[in-house]
């Protein structure tokens, strides 16, 4: 799942991106407010991590523009420690959560995971869909109680489909959410990835709708 990191301090941006990548996300970094506003307004992200002190356009102005345009992507605002007025203004502007600096990377990743789950309608930390269980904290997938050994890319595909259970996801959307900016993006590679997962998880876990995409179906009652 793609996460946009909007942070003008290169060291912090690199550390956040590395932590998110290790947590199973596909991070992209923007260092100024105008670029961040454009990317958040024209591209789809699972979450945006937004620093408020940005060059060219401050973070609050960026956030207000997104919300005024109807962009509902979850936004985690980074604020200076003790800047309570800044936090209040950020939440009033449409932020979904905030994290004061300095922060632990583990907490940031946990908050991003929580925002992704809540935006998909999952309250619990573990995603259960019939025999399929996805544990985002451990990046672990099991079927019928048996833990499956998956590559990071395989895990990201299962997790994304599970978070959107019952919805057919197009190949284009999956490619956008699974691969980084520098990765090769190919529909044939995606189909091969799905085939590998079916061999590991069972053919019924991921369905294909020819001409439309893929889905993890709702459990049958």
N, C-alpha and C. Protein backbone atom coordinates (compact mmCIF):
# COMPACT_ATOMS: atom_id res chain seq x y z
N UNK A 1 0.83 -1.19 0.00
CA UNK A 1 0.00 0.00 0.00
C UNK A 1 0.87 1.25 0.00
N UNK A 2 0.52 2.19 -0.87
CA UNK A 2 1.33 3.40 -1.02
C UNK A 2 1.07 4.36 0.14
N UNK A 3 2.15 4.93 0.67
CA UNK A 3 2.07 5.96 1.70
C UNK A 3 2.92 7.13 1.24
N UNK A 4 2.33 8.32 1.24
CA UNK A 4 3.07 9.52 0.89
C UNK A 4 3.64 10.15 2.16
N UNK A 5 4.95 10.31 2.20
CA UNK A 5 5.64 10.94 3.33
C UNK A 5 6.01 12.35 2.92
N UNK A 6 5.39 13.34 3.58
CA UNK A 6 5.64 14.75 3.26
C UNK A 6 6.48 15.34 4.39
N UNK A 7 7.77 15.46 4.15
CA UNK A 7 8.72 15.89 5.17
C UNK A 7 9.91 16.53 4.46
N UNK A 8 10.26 17.78 4.87
CA UNK A 8 11.33 18.50 4.17
C UNK A 8 12.71 18.24 4.76
N UNK A 9 12.79 17.57 5.91
CA UNK A 9 14.08 17.22 6.48
C UNK A 9 14.50 15.86 5.90
N UNK A 10 15.54 15.82 5.04
CA UNK A 10 15.89 14.59 4.33
C UNK A 10 16.15 13.40 5.25
N UNK A 11 16.83 13.62 6.37
CA UNK A 11 17.15 12.49 7.25
C UNK A 11 15.89 11.89 7.84
N UNK A 12 14.98 12.74 8.33
CA UNK A 12 13.74 12.24 8.90
C UNK A 12 12.92 11.54 7.83
N UNK A 13 12.83 12.14 6.65
CA UNK A 13 12.06 11.54 5.56
C UNK A 13 12.60 10.16 5.20
N UNK A 14 13.94 10.04 5.13
CA UNK A 14 14.54 8.75 4.79
C UNK A 14 14.28 7.71 5.87
N UNK A 15 14.37 8.12 7.14
CA UNK A 15 14.12 7.19 8.24
C UNK A 15 12.67 6.72 8.26
N UNK A 16 11.73 7.67 8.04
CA UNK A 16 10.31 7.30 8.02
C UNK A 16 10.03 6.35 6.85
N UNK A 17 10.58 6.67 5.69
CA UNK A 17 10.36 5.81 4.52
C UNK A 17 10.91 4.41 4.75
N UNK A 18 12.10 4.32 5.36
CA UNK A 18 12.69 3.01 5.63
C UNK A 18 11.85 2.21 6.61
N UNK A 19 11.33 2.87 7.66
CA UNK A 19 10.49 2.18 8.64
C UNK A 19 9.19 1.71 8.01
N UNK A 20 8.58 2.53 7.17
CA UNK A 20 7.34 2.13 6.51
C UNK A 20 7.58 0.97 5.54
N UNK A 21 8.68 1.02 4.82
CA UNK A 21 8.99 -0.08 3.90
C UNK A 21 9.19 -1.38 4.65
N UNK A 22 9.89 -1.32 5.80
CA UNK A 22 10.08 -2.52 6.62
C UNK A 22 8.75 -3.01 7.19
N UNK A 23 7.77 -2.10 7.33
CA UNK A 23 6.45 -2.47 7.85
C UNK A 23 5.49 -2.95 6.79
N UNK A 24 5.95 -3.12 5.55
CA UNK A 24 5.11 -3.67 4.50
C UNK A 24 4.43 -2.65 3.61
N UNK A 25 4.82 -1.37 3.73
CA UNK A 25 4.21 -0.33 2.91
C UNK A 25 5.14 0.06 1.76
N UNK A 26 4.58 0.83 0.81
CA UNK A 26 5.37 1.34 -0.31
C UNK A 26 5.44 2.86 -0.15
N UNK A 27 6.51 3.38 0.46
CA UNK A 27 6.58 4.82 0.73
C UNK A 27 7.07 5.62 -0.47
N UNK A 28 6.53 6.83 -0.61
CA UNK A 28 7.01 7.81 -1.56
C UNK A 28 7.21 9.11 -0.79
N UNK A 29 8.22 9.87 -1.14
CA UNK A 29 8.61 11.05 -0.35
C UNK A 29 8.44 12.31 -1.16
N UNK A 30 7.89 13.32 -0.51
CA UNK A 30 7.80 14.67 -1.09
C UNK A 30 8.37 15.66 -0.08
N UNK A 31 9.15 16.63 -0.56
CA UNK A 31 9.84 17.53 0.35
C UNK A 31 9.30 18.94 0.42
N UNK A 32 8.25 19.26 -0.38
CA UNK A 32 7.69 20.61 -0.29
C UNK A 32 6.18 20.56 -0.43
N UNK A 33 5.52 21.60 0.07
CA UNK A 33 4.08 21.60 0.16
C UNK A 33 3.36 21.60 -1.17
N UNK A 34 3.86 22.35 -2.14
CA UNK A 34 3.17 22.41 -3.42
C UNK A 34 3.18 21.07 -4.14
N UNK A 35 4.33 20.41 -4.15
CA UNK A 35 4.41 19.09 -4.78
C UNK A 35 3.53 18.10 -4.03
N UNK A 36 3.56 18.15 -2.70
CA UNK A 36 2.75 17.24 -1.90
C UNK A 36 1.27 17.45 -2.18
N UNK A 37 0.84 18.72 -2.23
CA UNK A 37 -0.57 19.00 -2.53
C UNK A 37 -0.97 18.38 -3.87
N UNK A 38 -0.13 18.56 -4.91
CA UNK A 38 -0.46 18.04 -6.24
C UNK A 38 -0.53 16.52 -6.23
N UNK A 39 0.46 15.88 -5.60
CA UNK A 39 0.47 14.41 -5.60
C UNK A 39 -0.70 13.85 -4.81
N UNK A 40 -1.00 14.44 -3.66
CA UNK A 40 -2.12 13.97 -2.87
C UNK A 40 -3.46 14.23 -3.53
N UNK A 41 -3.51 15.23 -4.43
CA UNK A 41 -4.76 15.58 -5.10
C UNK A 41 -4.99 14.77 -6.37
N UNK A 42 -3.92 14.20 -6.92
CA UNK A 42 -4.04 13.51 -8.21
C UNK A 42 -3.73 12.02 -8.16
N UNK A 43 -3.18 11.55 -7.05
CA UNK A 43 -2.83 10.13 -6.93
C UNK A 43 -3.50 9.53 -5.70
N UNK A 44 -3.56 8.20 -5.68
CA UNK A 44 -4.23 7.49 -4.59
C UNK A 44 -3.22 6.89 -3.62
N UNK A 45 -3.35 7.26 -2.35
CA UNK A 45 -2.49 6.74 -1.29
C UNK A 45 -3.36 6.14 -0.20
N UNK A 46 -2.81 5.13 0.49
CA UNK A 46 -3.53 4.54 1.61
C UNK A 46 -3.53 5.49 2.80
N UNK A 47 -2.41 6.18 3.02
CA UNK A 47 -2.24 7.14 4.11
C UNK A 47 -1.24 8.19 3.66
N UNK A 48 -1.38 9.40 4.20
CA UNK A 48 -0.36 10.44 4.00
C UNK A 48 0.17 10.85 5.36
N UNK A 49 1.50 10.83 5.50
CA UNK A 49 2.18 11.33 6.71
C UNK A 49 2.64 12.74 6.39
N UNK A 50 2.10 13.73 7.11
CA UNK A 50 2.26 15.13 6.73
C UNK A 50 2.91 15.95 7.83
N UNK A 51 4.11 16.47 7.55
CA UNK A 51 4.73 17.45 8.44
C UNK A 51 4.10 18.81 8.17
N UNK A 52 3.99 19.65 9.20
CA UNK A 52 3.33 20.94 9.01
C UNK A 52 4.28 22.04 8.54
N UNK A 53 5.56 21.95 8.95
CA UNK A 53 6.52 22.99 8.57
C UNK A 53 7.18 22.67 7.24
N UNK A 54 6.57 23.12 6.14
CA UNK A 54 7.05 22.77 4.81
C UNK A 54 7.37 24.03 4.01
N UNK A 55 8.33 23.96 3.09
CA UNK A 55 8.58 25.08 2.18
C UNK A 55 7.49 25.16 1.10
N UNK A 56 7.29 26.36 0.55
CA UNK A 56 6.42 26.66 -0.59
C UNK A 56 4.93 26.63 -0.24
N UNK A 57 4.50 25.75 0.65
CA UNK A 57 3.13 25.76 1.14
C UNK A 57 3.11 24.98 2.45
N UNK A 58 2.60 25.59 3.55
CA UNK A 58 2.67 24.90 4.83
C UNK A 58 1.68 23.74 4.86
N UNK A 59 1.94 22.79 5.77
CA UNK A 59 1.17 21.56 5.82
C UNK A 59 -0.32 21.76 6.06
N UNK A 60 -0.68 22.73 6.91
CA UNK A 60 -2.10 22.98 7.16
C UNK A 60 -2.81 23.45 5.90
N UNK A 61 -2.16 24.31 5.12
CA UNK A 61 -2.77 24.76 3.87
C UNK A 61 -2.95 23.60 2.90
N UNK A 62 -1.95 22.71 2.85
CA UNK A 62 -2.05 21.53 2.00
C UNK A 62 -3.24 20.66 2.41
N UNK A 63 -3.34 20.40 3.72
CA UNK A 63 -4.42 19.56 4.23
C UNK A 63 -5.78 20.18 3.94
N UNK A 64 -5.91 21.47 4.15
CA UNK A 64 -7.19 22.15 3.90
C UNK A 64 -7.58 22.06 2.43
N UNK A 65 -6.61 22.17 1.55
CA UNK A 65 -6.90 22.06 0.11
C UNK A 65 -7.39 20.66 -0.24
N UNK A 66 -6.72 19.63 0.32
CA UNK A 66 -7.17 18.26 0.05
C UNK A 66 -8.60 18.07 0.50
N UNK A 67 -8.91 18.50 1.71
CA UNK A 67 -10.26 18.28 2.23
C UNK A 67 -11.29 19.11 1.47
N UNK A 68 -10.94 20.32 1.09
CA UNK A 68 -11.87 21.15 0.31
C UNK A 68 -12.18 20.53 -1.04
N UNK A 69 -11.21 19.77 -1.58
CA UNK A 69 -11.39 19.10 -2.87
C UNK A 69 -12.07 17.75 -2.73
N UNK A 70 -12.40 17.36 -1.49
CA UNK A 70 -13.07 16.09 -1.26
C UNK A 70 -12.17 14.90 -1.13
N UNK A 71 -10.86 15.13 -0.98
CA UNK A 71 -9.93 14.01 -0.82
C UNK A 71 -10.03 13.49 0.61
N UNK A 72 -10.39 12.21 0.74
CA UNK A 72 -10.66 11.63 2.06
C UNK A 72 -9.54 10.71 2.56
N UNK A 73 -8.38 10.73 1.93
CA UNK A 73 -7.27 9.88 2.36
C UNK A 73 -6.94 10.16 3.82
N UNK A 74 -6.71 9.13 4.64
CA UNK A 74 -6.31 9.37 6.03
C UNK A 74 -4.97 10.12 6.10
N UNK A 75 -4.90 11.09 7.00
CA UNK A 75 -3.70 11.92 7.13
C UNK A 75 -3.21 11.88 8.58
N UNK A 76 -1.95 11.51 8.74
CA UNK A 76 -1.26 11.55 10.04
C UNK A 76 -0.37 12.77 10.05
N UNK A 77 -0.66 13.72 10.93
CA UNK A 77 0.09 14.98 11.00
C UNK A 77 1.24 14.85 12.00
N UNK A 78 2.42 15.31 11.60
CA UNK A 78 3.57 15.39 12.49
C UNK A 78 3.67 16.81 13.03
N UNK A 79 3.74 16.95 14.36
CA UNK A 79 3.80 18.27 14.97
C UNK A 79 4.97 18.37 15.92
N UNK A 80 5.33 19.61 16.25
CA UNK A 80 6.36 19.83 17.26
C UNK A 80 5.80 19.48 18.64
N UNK A 81 6.62 18.86 19.48
CA UNK A 81 6.16 18.47 20.81
C UNK A 81 5.73 19.72 21.60
N UNK A 82 4.57 19.63 22.21
CA UNK A 82 4.06 20.73 23.02
C UNK A 82 3.25 21.74 22.24
N UNK A 83 3.22 21.62 20.90
CA UNK A 83 2.48 22.58 20.08
C UNK A 83 1.01 22.17 20.03
N UNK A 84 0.31 22.30 21.17
CA UNK A 84 -1.06 21.80 21.25
C UNK A 84 -2.00 22.58 20.33
N UNK A 85 -1.76 23.88 20.16
CA UNK A 85 -2.63 24.68 19.29
C UNK A 85 -2.51 24.20 17.84
N UNK A 86 -1.30 23.81 17.46
CA UNK A 86 -1.05 23.29 16.12
C UNK A 86 -1.81 21.98 15.90
N UNK A 87 -1.83 21.14 16.95
CA UNK A 87 -2.55 19.86 16.84
C UNK A 87 -4.05 20.10 16.69
N UNK A 88 -4.58 21.01 17.49
CA UNK A 88 -6.01 21.30 17.41
C UNK A 88 -6.36 21.83 16.03
N UNK A 89 -5.55 22.74 15.52
CA UNK A 89 -5.82 23.30 14.20
C UNK A 89 -5.73 22.23 13.12
N UNK A 90 -4.77 21.31 13.28
CA UNK A 90 -4.63 20.22 12.31
C UNK A 90 -5.84 19.30 12.31
N UNK A 91 -6.33 18.95 13.50
CA UNK A 91 -7.50 18.09 13.59
C UNK A 91 -8.73 18.81 13.04
N UNK A 92 -8.88 20.09 13.36
CA UNK A 92 -10.00 20.86 12.82
C UNK A 92 -9.92 20.97 11.29
N UNK A 93 -8.71 20.94 10.75
CA UNK A 93 -8.55 21.04 9.30
C UNK A 93 -8.80 19.72 8.59
N UNK A 94 -8.93 18.63 9.37
CA UNK A 94 -9.25 17.34 8.76
C UNK A 94 -8.24 16.24 8.98
N UNK A 95 -7.26 16.45 9.86
CA UNK A 95 -6.30 15.38 10.16
C UNK A 95 -6.99 14.25 10.90
N UNK A 96 -6.54 13.03 10.65
CA UNK A 96 -7.12 11.86 11.30
C UNK A 96 -6.36 11.45 12.56
N UNK A 97 -5.10 11.84 12.65
CA UNK A 97 -4.28 11.52 13.82
C UNK A 97 -3.09 12.47 13.80
N UNK A 98 -2.40 12.58 14.93
CA UNK A 98 -1.19 13.40 14.98
C UNK A 98 -0.14 12.67 15.81
N UNK A 99 1.11 13.01 15.56
CA UNK A 99 2.23 12.41 16.28
C UNK A 99 3.25 13.50 16.54
N UNK A 100 3.54 13.79 17.83
CA UNK A 100 4.52 14.85 18.13
C UNK A 100 5.96 14.38 17.91
N UNK A 101 6.79 15.31 17.45
CA UNK A 101 8.22 15.04 17.31
C UNK A 101 8.94 15.35 18.62
N UNK A 102 10.01 14.62 18.94
CA UNK A 102 10.51 13.42 18.24
C UNK A 102 9.64 12.21 18.56
N UNK A 103 9.65 11.22 17.69
CA UNK A 103 8.79 10.05 17.87
C UNK A 103 9.58 8.78 17.56
N UNK A 104 9.06 7.67 18.05
CA UNK A 104 9.64 6.37 17.72
C UNK A 104 9.05 5.89 16.40
N UNK A 105 9.89 5.34 15.55
CA UNK A 105 9.41 4.87 14.25
C UNK A 105 8.38 3.75 14.41
N UNK A 106 8.55 2.94 15.48
CA UNK A 106 7.59 1.86 15.70
C UNK A 106 6.18 2.41 15.93
N UNK A 107 6.11 3.54 16.66
CA UNK A 107 4.80 4.13 16.91
C UNK A 107 4.21 4.71 15.63
N UNK A 108 5.04 5.35 14.82
CA UNK A 108 4.54 5.90 13.57
C UNK A 108 3.96 4.80 12.69
N UNK A 109 4.70 3.70 12.53
CA UNK A 109 4.21 2.60 11.69
C UNK A 109 2.92 2.01 12.26
N UNK A 110 2.85 1.88 13.58
CA UNK A 110 1.63 1.36 14.21
C UNK A 110 0.44 2.27 13.95
N UNK A 111 0.65 3.58 14.03
CA UNK A 111 -0.44 4.53 13.76
C UNK A 111 -0.87 4.48 12.30
N UNK A 112 0.08 4.34 11.40
CA UNK A 112 -0.27 4.21 9.97
C UNK A 112 -1.08 2.94 9.74
N UNK A 113 -0.65 1.83 10.34
CA UNK A 113 -1.42 0.59 10.21
C UNK A 113 -2.85 0.77 10.71
N UNK A 114 -2.99 1.44 11.85
CA UNK A 114 -4.33 1.65 12.43
C UNK A 114 -5.19 2.51 11.51
N UNK A 115 -4.62 3.54 10.91
CA UNK A 115 -5.38 4.38 9.99
C UNK A 115 -5.83 3.59 8.76
N UNK A 116 -4.95 2.74 8.25
CA UNK A 116 -5.32 1.90 7.10
C UNK A 116 -6.48 0.97 7.47
N UNK A 117 -6.38 0.33 8.64
CA UNK A 117 -7.45 -0.59 9.06
C UNK A 117 -8.77 0.15 9.23
N UNK A 118 -8.74 1.27 9.93
CA UNK A 118 -9.98 2.00 10.20
C UNK A 118 -10.61 2.51 8.91
N UNK A 119 -9.80 2.99 7.98
CA UNK A 119 -10.36 3.49 6.73
C UNK A 119 -11.00 2.38 5.91
N UNK A 120 -10.55 1.14 6.13
CA UNK A 120 -11.13 -0.01 5.44
C UNK A 120 -12.27 -0.65 6.22
N UNK A 121 -12.57 -0.12 7.42
CA UNK A 121 -13.69 -0.62 8.20
C UNK A 121 -13.33 -1.74 9.16
N UNK A 122 -12.04 -1.94 9.43
CA UNK A 122 -11.61 -2.97 10.37
C UNK A 122 -11.18 -2.32 11.68
N UNK A 123 -11.80 -2.73 12.77
CA UNK A 123 -11.43 -2.19 14.07
C UNK A 123 -10.34 -2.99 14.75
N UNK A 124 -10.36 -4.31 14.58
CA UNK A 124 -9.39 -5.19 15.23
C UNK A 124 -8.04 -5.14 14.53
N UNK A 125 -6.99 -5.46 15.28
CA UNK A 125 -5.65 -5.44 14.71
C UNK A 125 -5.43 -6.59 13.73
N UNK A 126 -6.14 -7.70 13.93
CA UNK A 126 -6.02 -8.87 13.07
C UNK A 126 -7.20 -8.89 12.09
N UNK A 127 -6.91 -9.14 10.82
CA UNK A 127 -7.95 -9.21 9.80
C UNK A 127 -8.30 -10.67 9.57
N UNK A 128 -9.53 -11.03 9.83
CA UNK A 128 -10.00 -12.41 9.65
C UNK A 128 -11.10 -12.45 8.61
N UNK A 129 -10.89 -13.26 7.58
CA UNK A 129 -11.88 -13.44 6.52
C UNK A 129 -12.02 -14.94 6.29
N UNK A 130 -12.98 -15.55 6.93
CA UNK A 130 -13.10 -16.99 6.85
C UNK A 130 -11.84 -17.67 7.35
N UNK A 131 -11.25 -18.57 6.55
CA UNK A 131 -10.02 -19.25 6.99
C UNK A 131 -8.76 -18.41 6.85
N UNK A 132 -8.88 -17.26 6.20
CA UNK A 132 -7.71 -16.39 5.96
C UNK A 132 -7.54 -15.41 7.11
N UNK A 133 -6.33 -15.37 7.68
CA UNK A 133 -6.01 -14.43 8.75
C UNK A 133 -4.76 -13.66 8.35
N UNK A 134 -4.86 -12.32 8.40
CA UNK A 134 -3.73 -11.44 8.09
C UNK A 134 -3.38 -10.65 9.34
N UNK A 135 -2.13 -10.77 9.76
CA UNK A 135 -1.64 -10.05 10.93
C UNK A 135 -0.68 -8.96 10.46
N UNK A 136 -1.14 -7.70 10.33
CA UNK A 136 -0.26 -6.64 9.84
C UNK A 136 0.92 -6.35 10.75
N UNK A 137 0.78 -6.59 12.05
CA UNK A 137 1.88 -6.31 12.97
C UNK A 137 3.07 -7.21 12.71
N UNK A 138 2.79 -8.48 12.43
CA UNK A 138 3.85 -9.45 12.16
C UNK A 138 4.09 -9.65 10.67
N UNK A 139 3.27 -9.02 9.84
CA UNK A 139 3.28 -9.24 8.39
C UNK A 139 3.21 -10.74 8.10
N UNK A 140 2.20 -11.35 8.73
CA UNK A 140 2.05 -12.81 8.68
C UNK A 140 0.66 -13.16 8.15
N UNK A 141 0.61 -14.19 7.32
CA UNK A 141 -0.65 -14.67 6.74
C UNK A 141 -0.79 -16.15 7.05
N UNK A 142 -1.97 -16.53 7.49
CA UNK A 142 -2.24 -17.95 7.74
C UNK A 142 -3.58 -18.33 7.11
N UNK A 143 -3.69 -19.60 6.74
CA UNK A 143 -4.93 -20.15 6.19
C UNK A 143 -5.22 -21.43 6.94
N UNK A 144 -6.43 -21.51 7.51
CA UNK A 144 -6.82 -22.67 8.32
C UNK A 144 -5.81 -22.94 9.43
N UNK A 145 -5.28 -21.87 10.01
CA UNK A 145 -4.36 -21.99 11.13
C UNK A 145 -2.93 -22.27 10.76
N UNK A 146 -2.62 -22.41 9.48
CA UNK A 146 -1.26 -22.74 9.04
C UNK A 146 -0.60 -21.47 8.50
N UNK A 147 0.50 -21.07 9.11
CA UNK A 147 1.22 -19.87 8.69
C UNK A 147 1.91 -20.14 7.35
N UNK A 148 1.73 -19.20 6.42
CA UNK A 148 2.32 -19.34 5.09
C UNK A 148 3.57 -18.48 4.97
N UNK A 149 4.58 -19.01 4.30
CA UNK A 149 5.81 -18.27 4.08
C UNK A 149 5.66 -17.45 2.80
N UNK A 150 5.55 -16.13 2.96
CA UNK A 150 5.33 -15.25 1.83
C UNK A 150 6.47 -14.24 1.68
N UNK A 151 6.72 -13.85 0.46
CA UNK A 151 7.67 -12.76 0.22
C UNK A 151 7.00 -11.44 0.58
N UNK A 152 7.78 -10.35 0.77
CA UNK A 152 7.16 -9.05 1.07
C UNK A 152 6.13 -8.63 0.02
N UNK A 153 6.40 -8.88 -1.25
CA UNK A 153 5.47 -8.51 -2.31
C UNK A 153 4.20 -9.35 -2.23
N UNK A 154 4.35 -10.65 -1.98
CA UNK A 154 3.18 -11.51 -1.83
C UNK A 154 2.33 -11.07 -0.64
N UNK A 155 3.00 -10.73 0.46
CA UNK A 155 2.25 -10.27 1.63
C UNK A 155 1.47 -8.99 1.30
N UNK A 156 2.10 -8.04 0.64
CA UNK A 156 1.42 -6.79 0.33
C UNK A 156 0.18 -7.01 -0.51
N UNK A 157 0.25 -7.95 -1.45
CA UNK A 157 -0.90 -8.23 -2.30
C UNK A 157 -2.04 -8.83 -1.49
N UNK A 158 -1.75 -9.82 -0.66
CA UNK A 158 -2.80 -10.44 0.17
C UNK A 158 -3.40 -9.42 1.12
N UNK A 159 -2.55 -8.62 1.76
CA UNK A 159 -3.04 -7.64 2.73
C UNK A 159 -3.93 -6.60 2.07
N UNK A 160 -3.55 -6.15 0.89
CA UNK A 160 -4.36 -5.13 0.21
C UNK A 160 -5.72 -5.70 -0.19
N UNK A 161 -5.73 -6.90 -0.75
CA UNK A 161 -7.00 -7.52 -1.14
C UNK A 161 -7.86 -7.81 0.09
N UNK A 162 -7.23 -8.23 1.19
CA UNK A 162 -7.99 -8.53 2.42
C UNK A 162 -8.62 -7.27 2.99
N UNK A 163 -7.88 -6.16 2.97
CA UNK A 163 -8.44 -4.90 3.48
C UNK A 163 -9.63 -4.42 2.65
N UNK A 164 -9.69 -4.86 1.40
CA UNK A 164 -10.79 -4.48 0.51
C UNK A 164 -11.63 -5.71 0.15
N UNK A 165 -11.84 -6.58 1.12
CA UNK A 165 -12.55 -7.83 0.86
C UNK A 165 -13.90 -7.57 0.19
N UNK A 166 -14.22 -8.44 -0.75
CA UNK A 166 -15.50 -8.33 -1.43
C UNK A 166 -15.52 -7.34 -2.57
N UNK A 167 -14.45 -6.55 -2.74
CA UNK A 167 -14.40 -5.57 -3.84
C UNK A 167 -13.41 -6.04 -4.88
N UNK A 168 -13.81 -5.99 -6.14
CA UNK A 168 -12.91 -6.35 -7.23
C UNK A 168 -11.91 -5.22 -7.43
N UNK A 169 -10.62 -5.56 -7.34
CA UNK A 169 -9.54 -4.58 -7.48
C UNK A 169 -8.90 -4.76 -8.85
N UNK A 170 -8.84 -3.70 -9.62
CA UNK A 170 -8.27 -3.80 -10.96
C UNK A 170 -6.77 -4.05 -10.89
N UNK A 171 -6.23 -4.62 -11.98
CA UNK A 171 -4.79 -4.84 -12.06
C UNK A 171 -4.04 -3.52 -11.95
N UNK A 172 -4.58 -2.47 -12.54
CA UNK A 172 -3.92 -1.16 -12.49
C UNK A 172 -3.80 -0.67 -11.05
N UNK A 173 -4.88 -0.77 -10.28
CA UNK A 173 -4.84 -0.32 -8.89
C UNK A 173 -3.84 -1.15 -8.08
N UNK A 174 -3.85 -2.45 -8.27
CA UNK A 174 -2.91 -3.30 -7.54
C UNK A 174 -1.47 -2.96 -7.86
N UNK A 175 -1.18 -2.76 -9.14
CA UNK A 175 0.18 -2.42 -9.54
C UNK A 175 0.61 -1.10 -8.90
N UNK A 176 -0.30 -0.11 -8.87
CA UNK A 176 0.01 1.18 -8.27
C UNK A 176 0.30 1.05 -6.77
N UNK A 177 -0.44 0.18 -6.09
CA UNK A 177 -0.32 0.07 -4.63
C UNK A 177 0.80 -0.87 -4.19
N UNK A 178 1.22 -1.80 -5.04
CA UNK A 178 2.17 -2.83 -4.62
C UNK A 178 3.62 -2.49 -4.93
N UNK A 179 3.83 -1.75 -6.00
CA UNK A 179 5.19 -1.54 -6.47
C UNK A 179 5.67 -0.12 -6.18
N UNK A 180 6.96 0.01 -5.86
CA UNK A 180 7.56 1.31 -5.62
C UNK A 180 7.79 2.06 -6.93
N UNK A 181 8.18 3.32 -6.80
CA UNK A 181 8.37 4.17 -7.97
C UNK A 181 9.44 3.63 -8.91
N UNK A 182 10.44 2.94 -8.37
CA UNK A 182 11.55 2.46 -9.19
C UNK A 182 11.39 1.01 -9.60
N UNK A 183 10.32 0.35 -9.18
CA UNK A 183 10.11 -1.05 -9.52
C UNK A 183 9.51 -1.20 -10.91
N UNK A 184 9.84 -2.33 -11.56
CA UNK A 184 9.20 -2.64 -12.84
C UNK A 184 7.73 -2.97 -12.57
N UNK A 185 6.84 -2.42 -13.39
CA UNK A 185 5.40 -2.61 -13.21
C UNK A 185 4.86 -3.29 -14.45
N UNK A 186 4.32 -4.50 -14.26
CA UNK A 186 3.91 -5.29 -15.41
C UNK A 186 2.72 -6.15 -15.03
N UNK A 187 1.66 -6.13 -15.86
CA UNK A 187 0.45 -6.90 -15.56
C UNK A 187 0.73 -8.40 -15.58
N UNK A 188 1.64 -8.84 -16.45
CA UNK A 188 1.96 -10.27 -16.50
C UNK A 188 2.65 -10.71 -15.21
N UNK A 189 3.52 -9.86 -14.67
CA UNK A 189 4.18 -10.18 -13.40
C UNK A 189 3.16 -10.26 -12.28
N UNK A 190 2.15 -9.38 -12.31
CA UNK A 190 1.10 -9.43 -11.29
C UNK A 190 0.32 -10.73 -11.38
N UNK A 191 0.00 -11.16 -12.59
CA UNK A 191 -0.74 -12.42 -12.76
C UNK A 191 0.08 -13.60 -12.25
N UNK A 192 1.39 -13.57 -12.51
CA UNK A 192 2.26 -14.65 -12.02
C UNK A 192 2.30 -14.63 -10.49
N UNK A 193 2.29 -13.44 -9.90
CA UNK A 193 2.28 -13.31 -8.45
C UNK A 193 1.00 -13.92 -7.86
N UNK A 194 -0.13 -13.64 -8.47
CA UNK A 194 -1.40 -14.21 -8.01
C UNK A 194 -1.37 -15.73 -8.11
N UNK A 195 -0.82 -16.26 -9.17
CA UNK A 195 -0.76 -17.71 -9.34
C UNK A 195 0.10 -18.35 -8.25
N UNK A 196 1.22 -17.71 -7.91
CA UNK A 196 2.06 -18.25 -6.83
C UNK A 196 1.29 -18.26 -5.51
N UNK A 197 0.54 -17.20 -5.26
CA UNK A 197 -0.21 -17.12 -4.00
C UNK A 197 -1.31 -18.18 -3.96
N UNK A 198 -1.94 -18.45 -5.07
CA UNK A 198 -2.98 -19.49 -5.08
C UNK A 198 -2.39 -20.85 -4.75
N UNK A 199 -1.18 -21.11 -5.22
CA UNK A 199 -0.54 -22.39 -4.89
C UNK A 199 -0.25 -22.48 -3.41
N UNK A 200 0.08 -21.35 -2.77
CA UNK A 200 0.41 -21.36 -1.35
C UNK A 200 -0.83 -21.31 -0.46
N UNK A 201 -1.81 -20.50 -0.84
CA UNK A 201 -2.95 -20.24 0.04
C UNK A 201 -4.18 -21.06 -0.29
N UNK A 202 -4.24 -21.57 -1.52
CA UNK A 202 -5.44 -22.25 -1.99
C UNK A 202 -6.12 -21.43 -3.07
N UNK A 203 -6.66 -22.10 -4.07
CA UNK A 203 -7.22 -21.41 -5.22
C UNK A 203 -8.42 -20.54 -4.88
N UNK A 204 -9.12 -20.88 -3.78
CA UNK A 204 -10.35 -20.16 -3.45
C UNK A 204 -10.11 -18.85 -2.71
N UNK A 205 -8.90 -18.61 -2.24
CA UNK A 205 -8.64 -17.41 -1.43
C UNK A 205 -8.68 -16.14 -2.28
N UNK A 206 -8.09 -16.20 -3.48
CA UNK A 206 -8.09 -15.05 -4.39
C UNK A 206 -8.83 -15.43 -5.66
N UNK A 207 -9.90 -14.72 -5.96
CA UNK A 207 -10.68 -14.97 -7.16
C UNK A 207 -10.29 -13.99 -8.26
N UNK A 208 -10.44 -14.45 -9.50
CA UNK A 208 -10.21 -13.60 -10.67
C UNK A 208 -11.55 -13.30 -11.33
N UNK A 209 -11.79 -12.04 -11.64
CA UNK A 209 -12.93 -11.65 -12.45
C UNK A 209 -12.36 -11.17 -13.77
N UNK A 210 -12.44 -12.02 -14.78
CA UNK A 210 -11.81 -11.75 -16.06
C UNK A 210 -12.25 -10.39 -16.61
N UNK A 211 -11.26 -9.60 -16.98
CA UNK A 211 -11.54 -8.28 -17.53
C UNK A 211 -11.75 -7.21 -16.48
N UNK A 212 -11.83 -7.60 -15.19
CA UNK A 212 -12.09 -6.63 -14.13
C UNK A 212 -10.98 -6.58 -13.08
N UNK A 213 -10.51 -7.75 -12.61
CA UNK A 213 -9.46 -7.75 -11.60
C UNK A 213 -9.55 -8.92 -10.66
N UNK A 214 -9.14 -8.68 -9.41
CA UNK A 214 -9.02 -9.75 -8.42
C UNK A 214 -9.73 -9.34 -7.13
N UNK A 215 -10.11 -10.35 -6.34
CA UNK A 215 -10.70 -10.05 -5.05
C UNK A 215 -10.52 -11.21 -4.08
N UNK A 216 -10.52 -10.86 -2.79
CA UNK A 216 -10.72 -11.83 -1.72
C UNK A 216 -12.20 -11.80 -1.41
N UNK A 217 -12.93 -12.90 -1.65
CA UNK A 217 -14.38 -12.87 -1.47
C UNK A 217 -14.80 -12.84 -0.01
N UNK A 218 -15.98 -12.31 0.22
CA UNK A 218 -16.57 -12.37 1.56
C UNK A 218 -16.76 -13.84 1.91
N UNK A 219 -16.58 -14.19 3.21
CA UNK A 219 -16.79 -15.59 3.61
C UNK A 219 -18.24 -16.02 3.36
N UNK A 220 -18.39 -17.22 2.87
CA UNK A 220 -19.74 -17.75 2.62
C UNK A 220 -20.37 -18.18 3.94
N UNK A 221 -21.63 -17.86 4.10
CA UNK A 221 -22.35 -18.22 5.34
C UNK A 221 -23.25 -19.43 5.10
